[in-house]
Structures are given as C-alpha cells and as structure tokens.
Amino acid sequence: MPELPEVETICRGLAQHCVGAKVLSVRVMRPQFIRGSINPADLFSGLTIERFHRHGKQFCLESTRGRVLLFHMGMSGSVTLRPFQSKPAPHVHVLWTLSNNGKIFEMHHKDPRRFGYVRAYENMQFVREIAWFKLGPDALSITANELFLSLNNSRRRIKTILLDQSIIAGVGNIYADESLFQSKIHPLRKGSSLTRAEINQFIAELKLILKQAIRCGGSTIQSHADALGNAGTYQATHLVYGRGKEPCTICGALLKQTQCSQRTTVYCSVCQPRNSKTHRL
C-alpha cells in the first residue's frame, strides 16, 4: 500500500507538471472506481488545476474554481503522467487529458487491486470536514504530545496504534516497522507503556525516516512509481521491513517475524526489548 512518502512523491511530481494545466477531457474506463458523480464536468473536464494537497495517504487536486478531486490510493494505486494518446496500461480506470504551456499530455490513474477511488468535492472545506475529518494528524506534522495523549491508557499494541489512520495519518507497515526499530521500541508493547522520552524519540525518528524516504522517491516493493513512472529507492535502506530471519544490521541477531493486526511485523528482539526498563511518567 502506498504510504505517506509514496503518496507525497506522486503528489509533488504531479504538482510540478500539472499546476496551471487545463483539463481537456476525462475518460472513465471503470465507473465503479468513481465515488459519487461521474459527470466529466465534476471530474475536472474544462477546469484548470491550481494546487495540490495531501493528508496522510490521500491527496487531492484543486481547481481555480475551488472544486476538488480526491484520490484514495488504496492498496496499489498510482497516478502517472503519460504522452498524449498513450495506450492505457491494464488497470487504468480514469484518464485525464491535460494541456499546459502548449504541451498536451495525459494523467492515468491505475489501481490493479481496485481498493482506491476518486471523488469530487465542492471545495477543500468539504474535503477536510468529510473525507479527512476522521483522520488523525499527518505523520509529518504530528507532535509528540498529540501521540502521547492518544497512547494514554491504551492497551493496544503500539504497532496496531500506528496503523490506525485515525491516530496518525500516513504510516503503514513499512514505516511503522522502520521507525519502531530506529526508536528501539518493541512493536508488541502496549501503547500506554511508552514513556514521554520514548515517544519523543519515536516522533523524531519517524519524521526523519519519512523525509529520507521522500527524498528517495519512496519505497518500491511491488508497483510504486512516481508521477513520471520512476521507481523509488528507499527500499534499499530498509533495516527491518521485509528482512525477517535475516541478521540485524546493528547487533547481528536474527530478526524476528510475527503477525500484528494481520500484518507481517519484523523486529529485533535484542535492539527492541519487549520488557522496557523505563518507567512511564
């Protein structure tokens, strides 16, 4: 599933080429992929793209008239820019033809597993009040105190909490495992067991990892690509994700692999002891 760095990478690439572009036409190959109206005018036909916004794993583009298109990437979504009249790849569900600075090109929304969607809104206020209302703070802006308050008295495992988009938006399996490892926090510890010092350290490590991943274009595990179709490279620096039963890069112990919230979870039992000796304040 595209997580914050992958979605941010796509969003930045689209903004670089599409801000100021006029949408000449919209072609919907799979109407079920559209939530709400499939009227071309509602899907930006005839409108000009003014800016892009992202929150967590979702992003949207806003027109000069204020209308907004929200993109939910699902498990396998991608949005790429293609030359005019390109043959759509399999699983491309919506295609926009754009014109910017005299150049005509296309924007393809592809989603093989079909868990994502596109939806039109009247304005950004509607997006924030309806689509993003139940999402927690964005992972790049959340404070340690906000996370501390969410963990307070929680009996859920910290890994489970991090995957809850209503607590922190944008973190998925990859960056939960990586940030917990860098913070030396066992993924199966109860959220309420974390001290303020541990939470401060975790937030610092999480934001550092997310920013590094963005600079690398995200992690391409299976199909992620940026707006121009280029793969990310951050997967080459993963320390635990996808490395179960391999040696820990810090201590050499074999990494453990288990299931948490039905997600494969990898950690080092030496670097991330489950029984913390610290005391919650």
Protein backbone atom coordinates (compact mmCIF):
# COMPACT_ATOMS: atom_id res chain seq x y z
CA MET A 1 0.00 0.00 0.00
CA PRO A 2 1.36 3.47 -0.83
CA GLU A 3 2.22 5.20 2.44
CA LEU A 4 2.95 8.86 3.11
CA PRO A 5 6.34 9.02 1.31
CA GLU A 6 5.00 7.30 -1.79
CA VAL A 7 1.89 9.50 -1.97
CA GLU A 8 3.92 12.64 -1.28
CA THR A 9 6.33 11.68 -4.06
CA ILE A 10 3.44 11.26 -6.51
CA CYS A 11 1.80 14.49 -5.35
CA ARG A 12 4.98 16.55 -5.74
CA GLY A 13 5.63 15.16 -9.21
CA LEU A 14 2.11 15.90 -10.36
CA ALA A 15 2.26 19.42 -8.93
CA GLN A 16 5.49 20.13 -10.80
CA HIS A 17 3.91 19.34 -14.17
CA CYS A 18 0.18 19.90 -13.68
CA VAL A 19 -0.26 23.18 -11.79
CA GLY A 20 -1.69 25.58 -14.36
CA ALA A 21 -2.77 22.77 -16.68
CA LYS A 22 -6.24 22.79 -18.19
CA VAL A 23 -8.18 19.51 -18.26
CA LEU A 24 -9.30 18.99 -21.86
CA SER A 25 -11.21 15.77 -21.31
CA VAL A 26 -11.84 12.93 -18.88
CA ARG A 27 -12.21 9.28 -19.82
CA VAL A 28 -13.62 6.87 -17.25
CA MET A 29 -12.89 3.24 -18.08
CA ARG A 30 -14.31 1.83 -14.87
CA PRO A 31 -17.26 3.84 -13.49
CA GLN A 32 -17.24 1.82 -10.26
CA PHE A 33 -13.91 3.44 -9.45
CA ILE A 34 -15.61 6.84 -9.09
CA ARG A 35 -17.39 7.65 -5.85
CA GLY A 36 -20.31 9.98 -6.47
CA SER A 37 -20.86 11.76 -9.78
CA ILE A 38 -19.14 10.50 -12.95
CA ASN A 39 -20.12 13.64 -14.87
CA PRO A 40 -16.97 14.79 -16.75
CA ALA A 41 -17.52 18.34 -15.52
CA ASP A 42 -17.41 17.09 -11.92
CA LEU A 43 -14.20 15.21 -12.72
CA PHE A 44 -12.48 18.45 -13.77
CA SER A 45 -13.19 18.49 -17.51
CA GLY A 46 -12.75 22.11 -18.63
CA LEU A 47 -11.18 23.20 -15.34
CA THR A 48 -7.65 24.39 -14.59
CA ILE A 49 -5.55 22.77 -11.86
CA GLU A 50 -4.35 25.33 -9.32
CA ARG A 51 -2.74 23.38 -6.47
CA PHE A 52 -2.32 20.00 -4.76
CA HIS A 53 -2.96 18.96 -1.16
CA ARG A 54 -2.04 15.81 0.77
CA HIS A 55 -3.05 14.40 4.14
CA GLY A 56 -1.79 11.00 5.21
CA LYS A 57 -2.11 8.55 2.34
CA GLN A 58 -4.61 10.63 0.36
CA PHE A 59 -4.15 13.63 -1.90
CA CYS A 60 -6.33 15.93 -3.93
CA LEU A 61 -6.03 18.48 -6.67
CA GLU A 62 -7.88 21.77 -6.52
CA SER A 63 -9.11 23.79 -9.49
CA THR A 64 -9.03 27.55 -9.93
CA ARG A 65 -12.80 27.49 -9.34
CA GLY A 66 -12.36 25.76 -5.99
CA ARG A 67 -13.61 22.31 -6.98
CA VAL A 68 -11.54 19.40 -5.70
CA LEU A 69 -10.75 15.85 -6.81
CA LEU A 70 -9.75 13.48 -4.02
CA PHE A 71 -7.54 10.48 -4.77
CA HIS A 72 -7.54 7.49 -2.43
CA MET A 73 -4.68 5.22 -3.47
CA GLY A 74 -5.98 2.02 -1.87
CA MET A 75 -3.58 -0.94 -1.83
CA SER A 76 -1.96 -0.49 -5.23
CA GLY A 77 -2.89 2.90 -6.65
CA SER A 78 -0.62 5.09 -8.75
CA VAL A 79 -1.06 8.25 -10.81
CA THR A 80 1.38 8.78 -13.66
CA LEU A 81 1.82 11.28 -16.47
CA ARG A 82 1.93 9.85 -19.98
CA PRO A 83 2.38 11.24 -23.50
CA PHE A 84 -0.76 12.27 -25.37
CA GLN A 85 -2.72 9.36 -26.86
CA SER A 86 -0.73 6.74 -24.94
CA LYS A 87 -2.29 3.30 -24.80
CA PRO A 88 -3.64 2.86 -21.26
CA ALA A 89 -1.91 0.11 -19.29
CA PRO A 90 -4.06 -2.63 -17.75
CA HIS A 91 -5.99 -1.49 -14.68
CA VAL A 92 -6.02 2.21 -15.63
CA HIS A 93 -9.50 3.26 -14.53
CA VAL A 94 -9.52 7.02 -15.22
CA LEU A 95 -7.59 9.07 -17.79
CA TRP A 96 -7.36 12.85 -17.94
CA THR A 97 -6.05 14.73 -20.99
CA LEU A 98 -4.26 17.93 -19.95
CA SER A 99 -2.76 20.96 -21.66
CA ASN A 100 -0.03 23.06 -20.06
CA ASN A 101 2.26 25.61 -21.72
CA GLY A 102 1.29 24.37 -25.16
CA LYS A 103 2.00 20.73 -24.33
CA ILE A 104 -0.75 18.10 -24.32
CA PHE A 105 -0.28 15.04 -22.11
CA GLU A 106 -2.30 12.57 -20.05
CA MET A 107 -2.71 11.63 -16.40
CA HIS A 108 -3.51 7.95 -15.77
CA HIS A 109 -4.93 6.60 -12.51
CA LYS A 110 -4.07 2.92 -12.19
CA ASP A 111 -5.16 0.56 -9.41
CA PRO A 112 -4.83 -3.20 -10.06
CA ARG A 113 -6.43 -4.25 -6.76
CA ARG A 114 -9.25 -1.70 -7.05
CA PHE A 115 -9.36 -0.65 -3.39
CA GLY A 116 -8.82 3.02 -4.24
CA TYR A 117 -11.19 5.59 -5.67
CA VAL A 118 -11.63 9.13 -6.96
CA ARG A 119 -14.27 11.50 -5.64
CA ALA A 120 -15.21 15.08 -6.48
CA TYR A 121 -15.96 17.68 -3.80
CA GLU A 122 -17.26 21.23 -3.99
CA ASN A 123 -14.25 22.68 -2.20
CA MET A 124 -11.39 21.92 0.21
CA GLN A 125 -13.54 22.71 3.22
CA PHE A 126 -15.78 19.77 2.29
CA VAL A 127 -12.73 17.53 1.94
CA ARG A 128 -11.45 18.48 5.39
CA GLU A 129 -14.89 18.19 7.02
CA ILE A 130 -15.99 14.97 5.29
CA ALA A 131 -13.14 12.95 3.81
CA TRP A 132 -10.36 13.90 6.22
CA PHE A 133 -12.44 14.54 9.32
CA LYS A 134 -11.81 11.09 10.82
CA LEU A 135 -8.09 11.06 10.03
CA GLY A 136 -5.55 11.83 12.71
CA PRO A 137 -2.77 14.39 12.37
CA ASP A 138 -0.49 13.94 9.38
CA ALA A 139 2.61 11.92 10.27
CA LEU A 140 4.90 14.77 9.22
CA SER A 141 3.18 17.30 11.47
CA ILE A 142 2.01 15.28 14.50
CA THR A 143 3.61 16.31 17.78
CA ALA A 144 4.94 14.01 20.47
CA ASN A 145 2.30 15.34 22.86
CA GLU A 146 -0.52 14.52 20.43
CA LEU A 147 0.71 10.95 20.16
CA PHE A 148 1.22 10.74 23.93
CA LEU A 149 -2.42 11.69 24.52
CA SER A 150 -3.56 9.05 22.02
CA LEU A 151 -1.47 6.36 23.70
CA ASN A 152 -2.56 7.29 27.20
CA ASN A 153 -4.32 4.31 28.83
CA SER A 154 -4.35 2.41 25.52
CA ARG A 155 -4.00 -1.34 25.88
CA ARG A 156 -3.47 -1.82 22.16
CA ARG A 157 -0.06 -2.71 20.81
CA ILE A 158 1.98 0.24 19.59
CA LYS A 159 2.27 -1.26 16.08
CA THR A 160 -1.53 -1.57 15.90
CA ILE A 161 -1.92 2.04 17.03
CA LEU A 162 0.50 3.31 14.40
CA LEU A 163 -1.51 1.61 11.65
CA ASP A 164 -4.70 3.32 12.85
CA GLN A 165 -5.19 6.26 10.48
CA SER A 166 -7.49 7.98 12.98
CA ILE A 167 -4.49 8.28 15.32
CA ILE A 168 -1.73 9.16 12.87
CA ALA A 169 -2.34 9.54 9.15
CA GLY A 170 0.18 8.26 6.64
CA VAL A 171 2.01 5.46 8.46
CA GLY A 172 1.66 1.90 7.19
CA ASN A 173 3.50 -1.36 7.65
CA ILE A 174 6.81 -0.25 6.14
CA TYR A 175 7.39 2.93 8.10
CA ALA A 176 5.87 1.59 11.32
CA ASP A 177 8.44 -1.23 11.39
CA GLU A 178 11.33 1.02 10.38
CA SER A 179 10.57 3.80 12.87
CA LEU A 180 9.95 1.40 15.76
CA PHE A 181 13.29 -0.27 15.07
CA GLN A 182 15.16 3.03 14.94
CA SER A 183 13.46 4.04 18.21
CA LYS A 184 14.30 0.68 19.86
CA ILE A 185 10.62 0.08 20.68
CA HIS A 186 9.18 -3.43 20.55
CA PRO A 187 6.14 -3.45 18.20
CA LEU A 188 4.04 -5.59 20.57
CA ARG A 189 4.36 -3.32 23.60
CA LYS A 190 1.17 -1.69 24.84
CA GLY A 191 0.85 1.91 23.78
CA SER A 192 0.35 3.01 27.38
CA SER A 193 3.73 1.54 28.36
CA LEU A 194 5.71 4.08 26.32
CA THR A 195 7.33 6.91 28.23
CA ARG A 196 7.34 10.51 27.10
CA ALA A 197 11.04 10.17 26.31
CA GLU A 198 10.36 7.14 24.11
CA ILE A 199 7.52 8.94 22.34
CA ASN A 200 9.71 11.99 21.76
CA GLN A 201 12.40 9.77 20.28
CA PHE A 202 9.89 7.87 18.16
CA ILE A 203 8.39 11.02 16.63
CA ALA A 204 11.86 12.34 15.81
CA GLU A 205 12.88 9.06 14.16
CA LEU A 206 9.58 8.71 12.30
CA LYS A 207 9.80 12.17 10.74
CA LEU A 208 13.45 11.66 9.83
CA ILE A 209 12.67 8.35 8.12
CA LEU A 210 9.68 9.76 6.25
CA LYS A 211 11.71 12.71 4.96
CA GLN A 212 14.55 10.42 3.89
CA ALA A 213 12.07 8.16 2.09
CA ILE A 214 10.54 11.13 0.28
CA ARG A 215 13.98 12.21 -0.91
CA CYS A 216 14.47 8.69 -2.28
CA GLY A 217 11.13 8.73 -4.11
CA GLY A 218 9.53 6.32 -1.65
CA SER A 219 9.85 2.54 -1.37
CA THR A 220 9.07 0.43 -4.42
CA ILE A 221 8.25 -3.04 -3.14
CA GLN A 222 5.99 -4.17 -5.97
CA SER A 223 4.48 -1.44 -8.09
CA HIS A 224 5.03 2.05 -6.64
CA ALA A 225 6.19 4.63 -9.16
CA ASP A 226 6.37 8.41 -9.07
CA ALA A 227 4.41 10.70 -11.38
CA LEU A 228 6.86 10.03 -14.23
CA GLY A 229 6.86 6.27 -13.72
CA ASN A 230 10.18 6.04 -11.89
CA ALA A 231 10.64 3.55 -9.06
CA GLY A 232 11.63 4.67 -5.58
CA THR A 233 14.90 3.58 -3.97
CA TYR A 234 14.29 3.78 -0.22
CA GLN A 235 13.66 0.02 -0.04
CA ALA A 236 17.43 -0.45 -0.39
CA THR A 237 17.89 1.14 3.04
CA HIS A 238 15.18 -0.79 4.93
CA LEU A 239 16.67 -2.12 8.14
CA VAL A 240 13.86 -4.48 9.17
CA TYR A 241 10.88 -4.35 6.82
CA GLY A 242 10.86 -7.45 4.62
CA ARG A 243 14.01 -8.80 6.31
CA GLY A 244 12.54 -11.36 8.70
CA LYS A 245 15.07 -14.06 9.76
CA GLU A 246 17.96 -12.05 8.35
CA PRO A 247 20.74 -10.64 10.59
CA CYS A 248 20.09 -7.34 12.34
CA THR A 249 22.32 -4.66 10.86
CA ILE A 250 23.06 -3.34 14.38
CA CYS A 251 23.66 -6.38 16.59
CA GLY A 252 23.75 -9.34 14.19
CA ALA A 253 20.90 -11.25 15.85
CA LEU A 254 18.35 -12.83 13.51
CA LEU A 255 15.35 -10.55 13.04
CA LYS A 256 12.07 -11.89 14.36
CA GLN A 257 8.91 -12.03 12.27
CA THR A 258 5.38 -12.18 13.65
CA GLN A 259 1.83 -11.02 12.91
CA CYS A 260 0.33 -7.87 14.39
CA SER A 261 -3.11 -6.69 13.31
CA GLN A 262 -2.88 -9.24 10.49
CA ARG A 263 0.25 -7.54 9.18
CA THR A 264 3.68 -9.12 8.97
CA THR A 265 5.86 -7.39 11.55
CA VAL A 266 9.65 -7.59 11.68
CA TYR A 267 11.78 -6.50 14.64
CA CYS A 268 14.98 -7.25 16.55
CA SER A 269 14.37 -8.80 19.97
CA VAL A 270 17.80 -7.58 21.13
CA CYS A 271 17.63 -3.97 19.94
CA GLN A 272 13.90 -3.72 20.69
CA PRO A 273 13.38 -5.48 24.05
CA ARG A 274 9.75 -6.10 24.90
CA ASN A 275 10.20 -5.54 28.63
CA SER A 276 11.33 -1.93 28.81
CA LYS A 277 13.24 -0.92 31.94
CA THR A 278 12.00 2.63 31.70
CA HIS A 279 9.03 3.92 33.68
CA ARG A 280 6.16 5.93 32.26
CA LEU A 281 5.89 9.48 33.56
